[in-house]
Each structure stands twice: as C-alpha cells, then as structure tokens.
C-alpha cells in the first residue's frame, strides 16, 4: 500500500514537471545544428558574436552595437514566463530608445508563429528569428527566458534565467542597464 502511494506521488511529480517547466515545446526538433555548442555564457565573459534576421527585415549583428548597452533575451511564444515579461522590454525600449539596444531572440519557432505573435501583441522592440537555433546554441542556457545585459565594452554584466512579472523584471533590467550605462 505504501509503495502504491509513493508511486502515485512520483507519477504526479512527473506530470507536474512536464506541464509546468519551460523546457521544449512538444514536437520540437532536437537536432543540433552542425556546429560546436559553446560553453554557458557567464558574467565577465565577452559576449559571443552573432547575426540574426529581424522581423523588421533588417539584420542584427552584435558587434555593430559595441559602445551601447545591449539587453539580449531568448524566448518562445509557448513559454508563459517569457511572454509575461515582454511588456518590460517594450517599456524599456520606449524609455531608452537608441541609448541601448534591445533584442528578443525567438528560440527555434517558425517565422509565421513569431510574426503572428508580433501582430497580436503590437510589440515594436526588435525581435529576431532563430529558426535553426544558431544563436541559441551560441548562448546555451538551462532554460528560458534567458536574458543578458551586455556592457558597452562587449562584456556580459548580468545573466538572468527565468522571470517574474513584467513590472518586477522591468525594475531588475532597468537597474542593470543603468549600472552598465554608468560604466
């Protein structure tokens, strides 16, 4: 009887982990691009270079933003915490304008899904497609949302995995941006 009770708890825990984690969406392609996966980026590292196509039709190249603070976010439309913090990016984008660079990199979803999300939400900050996961593999993480504040010198100042509500994240990111702008 006790074994049966323990098995029920284990089964319930397994179901909870499957339902509530921001891991991979069911049906996600698990194949890795034919490139070496880099180590996890930590505070104090030089931010790895990358290029990504933007929903606006332009291309974002990290090195072109040297001299600016960059707020770099990795997200997916199916990730509740990712979507929940996005109003913070819009507010920061409107507040700082061209003083900083903001980029939200969508993690391996189809372009049409991302375009529909942008249309539905009306966000105007830069959003990049990463359908093949090349940028995501350059910035490996234990989960999403995954956000980095990169200093004007190209050094990673802050790394955040996970998110609270938009107003909390706004304050956290604003403090980190202001500190990086002051350096």
Protein backbone atom coordinates (compact mmCIF):
# COMPACT_ATOMS: atom_id res chain seq x y z
CA UNK A 1 0.00 0.00 0.00
CA UNK A 2 2.80 2.43 0.92
CA UNK A 3 4.60 1.58 -2.33
CA UNK A 4 1.44 2.34 -4.31
CA UNK A 5 1.08 5.73 -2.53
CA UNK A 6 4.72 6.59 -3.29
CA UNK A 7 4.28 5.62 -6.93
CA UNK A 8 1.28 7.95 -7.19
CA UNK A 9 3.32 10.85 -5.79
CA UNK A 10 6.16 10.13 -8.19
CA UNK A 11 3.72 9.99 -11.11
CA UNK A 12 2.12 13.28 -10.04
CA UNK A 13 5.53 14.94 -9.72
CA UNK A 14 6.46 13.75 -13.19
CA UNK A 15 3.24 15.14 -14.67
CA UNK A 16 3.78 18.49 -12.91
CA UNK A 17 7.32 18.76 -14.27
CA UNK A 18 6.12 18.03 -17.78
CA UNK A 19 3.30 20.55 -17.58
CA UNK A 20 4.93 23.48 -15.83
CA UNK A 21 8.53 23.60 -17.00
CA UNK A 22 9.63 25.93 -19.74
CA UNK A 23 11.63 23.22 -21.43
CA UNK A 24 11.00 22.36 -25.01
CA UNK A 25 7.66 22.51 -26.73
CA UNK A 26 6.32 19.10 -27.72
CA UNK A 27 7.41 18.27 -31.25
CA UNK A 28 10.50 20.47 -31.06
CA UNK A 29 13.30 19.33 -33.32
CA UNK A 30 16.07 18.04 -31.04
CA UNK A 31 18.75 18.01 -33.71
CA UNK A 32 21.59 20.39 -33.07
CA UNK A 33 22.99 22.47 -35.91
CA UNK A 34 26.28 21.22 -37.31
CA UNK A 35 28.39 23.48 -35.12
CA UNK A 36 30.10 23.18 -31.79
CA UNK A 37 27.93 24.16 -28.84
CA UNK A 38 29.77 26.75 -26.79
CA UNK A 39 30.00 26.82 -23.02
CA UNK A 40 27.39 28.64 -20.99
CA UNK A 41 27.95 32.40 -21.05
CA UNK A 42 28.58 33.84 -17.59
CA UNK A 43 29.09 37.32 -16.17
CA UNK A 44 32.52 38.62 -17.13
CA UNK A 45 32.65 36.75 -20.47
CA UNK A 46 32.97 38.53 -23.77
CA UNK A 47 29.56 38.20 -25.43
CA UNK A 48 29.84 35.82 -28.40
CA UNK A 49 29.30 37.42 -31.79
CA UNK A 50 26.17 36.56 -33.76
CA UNK A 51 23.89 37.76 -36.51
CA UNK A 52 20.14 37.28 -36.62
CA UNK A 53 17.39 38.32 -39.03
CA UNK A 54 14.84 40.68 -37.52
CA UNK A 55 11.10 40.66 -38.02
CA UNK A 56 11.52 44.18 -39.44
CA UNK A 57 13.54 42.75 -42.34
CA UNK A 58 16.87 44.08 -41.08
CA UNK A 59 19.73 42.06 -39.55
CA UNK A 60 21.03 42.44 -36.00
CA UNK A 61 24.80 41.98 -35.65
CA UNK A 62 26.06 42.18 -32.08
CA UNK A 63 29.41 43.78 -32.94
CA UNK A 64 27.61 46.68 -34.64
CA UNK A 65 26.28 47.65 -31.21
CA UNK A 66 29.62 47.87 -29.44
CA UNK A 67 29.64 51.07 -27.42
CA UNK A 68 25.98 50.54 -26.43
CA UNK A 69 24.48 48.51 -23.64
CA UNK A 70 22.63 45.52 -25.11
CA UNK A 71 19.69 43.78 -23.47
CA UNK A 72 19.60 40.32 -25.12
CA UNK A 73 16.68 38.00 -24.42
CA UNK A 74 15.88 34.44 -25.53
CA UNK A 75 12.22 33.42 -25.52
CA UNK A 76 9.42 31.40 -27.12
CA UNK A 77 5.74 32.08 -27.69
CA UNK A 78 4.73 28.93 -25.76
CA UNK A 79 6.72 29.93 -22.65
CA UNK A 80 4.44 31.70 -20.17
CA UNK A 81 7.18 33.49 -18.19
CA UNK A 82 8.79 34.62 -21.48
CA UNK A 83 5.58 36.18 -22.75
CA UNK A 84 4.77 37.56 -19.30
CA UNK A 85 7.95 39.65 -19.10
CA UNK A 86 7.74 41.09 -22.62
CA UNK A 87 5.89 44.27 -21.60
CA UNK A 88 9.07 45.13 -19.65
CA UNK A 89 11.10 45.06 -22.88
CA UNK A 90 8.56 47.30 -24.62
CA UNK A 91 8.68 49.77 -21.71
CA UNK A 92 12.49 49.77 -21.68
CA UNK A 93 12.59 50.20 -25.45
CA UNK A 94 10.28 53.21 -25.25
CA UNK A 95 12.18 54.68 -22.30
CA UNK A 96 15.76 54.30 -23.57
CA UNK A 97 15.26 54.48 -27.32
CA UNK A 98 18.58 54.42 -29.19
CA UNK A 99 20.63 54.80 -25.98
CA UNK A 100 20.66 51.00 -25.71
CA UNK A 101 20.00 48.03 -27.99
CA UNK A 102 17.25 45.58 -27.11
CA UNK A 103 16.87 42.26 -28.90
CA UNK A 104 14.48 39.39 -28.16
CA UNK A 105 15.64 36.24 -29.97
CA UNK A 106 12.87 33.73 -30.56
CA UNK A 107 14.13 30.20 -29.92
CA UNK A 108 13.58 27.89 -32.87
CA UNK A 109 9.96 28.58 -33.75
CA UNK A 110 8.67 29.06 -37.25
CA UNK A 111 8.74 32.59 -38.61
CA UNK A 112 4.96 32.56 -39.13
CA UNK A 113 4.35 31.87 -35.43
CA UNK A 114 6.62 34.74 -34.41
CA UNK A 115 5.05 37.10 -36.94
CA UNK A 116 1.57 36.24 -35.66
CA UNK A 117 2.71 36.85 -32.07
CA UNK A 118 4.10 40.28 -33.01
CA UNK A 119 0.90 41.14 -34.87
CA UNK A 120 -1.26 40.06 -31.92
CA UNK A 121 0.77 41.90 -29.27
CA UNK A 122 1.86 45.02 -31.16
CA UNK A 123 5.39 44.97 -29.73
CA UNK A 124 7.76 47.33 -31.52
CA UNK A 125 11.12 46.43 -29.96
CA UNK A 126 13.46 44.34 -32.15
CA UNK A 127 12.57 40.65 -32.33
CA UNK A 128 14.82 38.17 -34.13
CA UNK A 129 14.11 34.83 -35.74
CA UNK A 130 16.37 31.90 -34.84
CA UNK A 131 14.54 29.07 -36.58
CA UNK A 132 17.59 26.80 -36.74
CA UNK A 133 18.80 27.62 -33.21
CA UNK A 134 22.18 29.02 -34.25
CA UNK A 135 22.04 31.98 -31.83
CA UNK A 136 20.51 29.84 -29.08
CA UNK A 137 23.37 27.34 -29.38
CA UNK A 138 25.87 30.20 -29.23
CA UNK A 139 24.26 31.26 -25.94
CA UNK A 140 23.37 27.92 -24.29
CA UNK A 141 21.18 28.11 -21.21
CA UNK A 142 19.44 25.86 -18.71
CA UNK A 143 16.10 27.40 -19.68
CA UNK A 144 14.15 30.36 -20.98
CA UNK A 145 13.50 33.18 -20.60
CA UNK A 146 17.21 33.79 -20.65
CA UNK A 147 18.34 37.43 -20.58
CA UNK A 148 21.76 39.05 -20.63
CA UNK A 149 22.87 42.62 -20.11
CA UNK A 150 25.97 43.25 -22.20
CA UNK A 151 28.07 46.30 -21.40
CA UNK A 152 29.32 48.92 -23.83
CA UNK A 153 32.63 47.05 -23.86
CA UNK A 154 31.01 43.80 -25.05
CA UNK A 155 31.38 42.11 -21.65
CA UNK A 156 28.41 40.28 -20.13
CA UNK A 157 27.43 42.20 -17.00
CA UNK A 158 24.33 40.24 -15.90
CA UNK A 159 22.72 36.89 -16.69
CA UNK A 160 19.13 36.04 -15.76
CA UNK A 161 17.34 32.71 -16.23
CA UNK A 162 13.61 32.77 -15.59
CA UNK A 163 11.35 35.73 -14.94
CA UNK A 164 8.80 37.11 -12.55
CA UNK A 165 6.07 39.51 -13.68
CA UNK A 166 6.77 42.34 -16.14
CA UNK A 167 6.96 45.12 -13.55
CA UNK A 168 9.49 43.19 -11.43
CA UNK A 169 11.59 42.36 -14.49
CA UNK A 170 11.41 45.97 -15.66
CA UNK A 171 12.97 47.15 -12.37
CA UNK A 172 15.63 44.43 -12.43
CA UNK A 173 16.64 45.13 -16.03
CA UNK A 174 16.45 48.92 -15.61
CA UNK A 175 18.82 48.77 -12.62
CA UNK A 176 21.26 46.58 -14.55
CA UNK A 177 21.06 48.81 -17.66
CA UNK A 178 21.60 51.99 -15.66
CA UNK A 179 24.62 50.46 -13.93
CA UNK A 180 26.07 49.32 -17.26
CA UNK A 181 25.44 52.75 -18.82
CA UNK A 182 27.39 54.32 -15.95
CA UNK A 183 30.49 52.20 -16.57
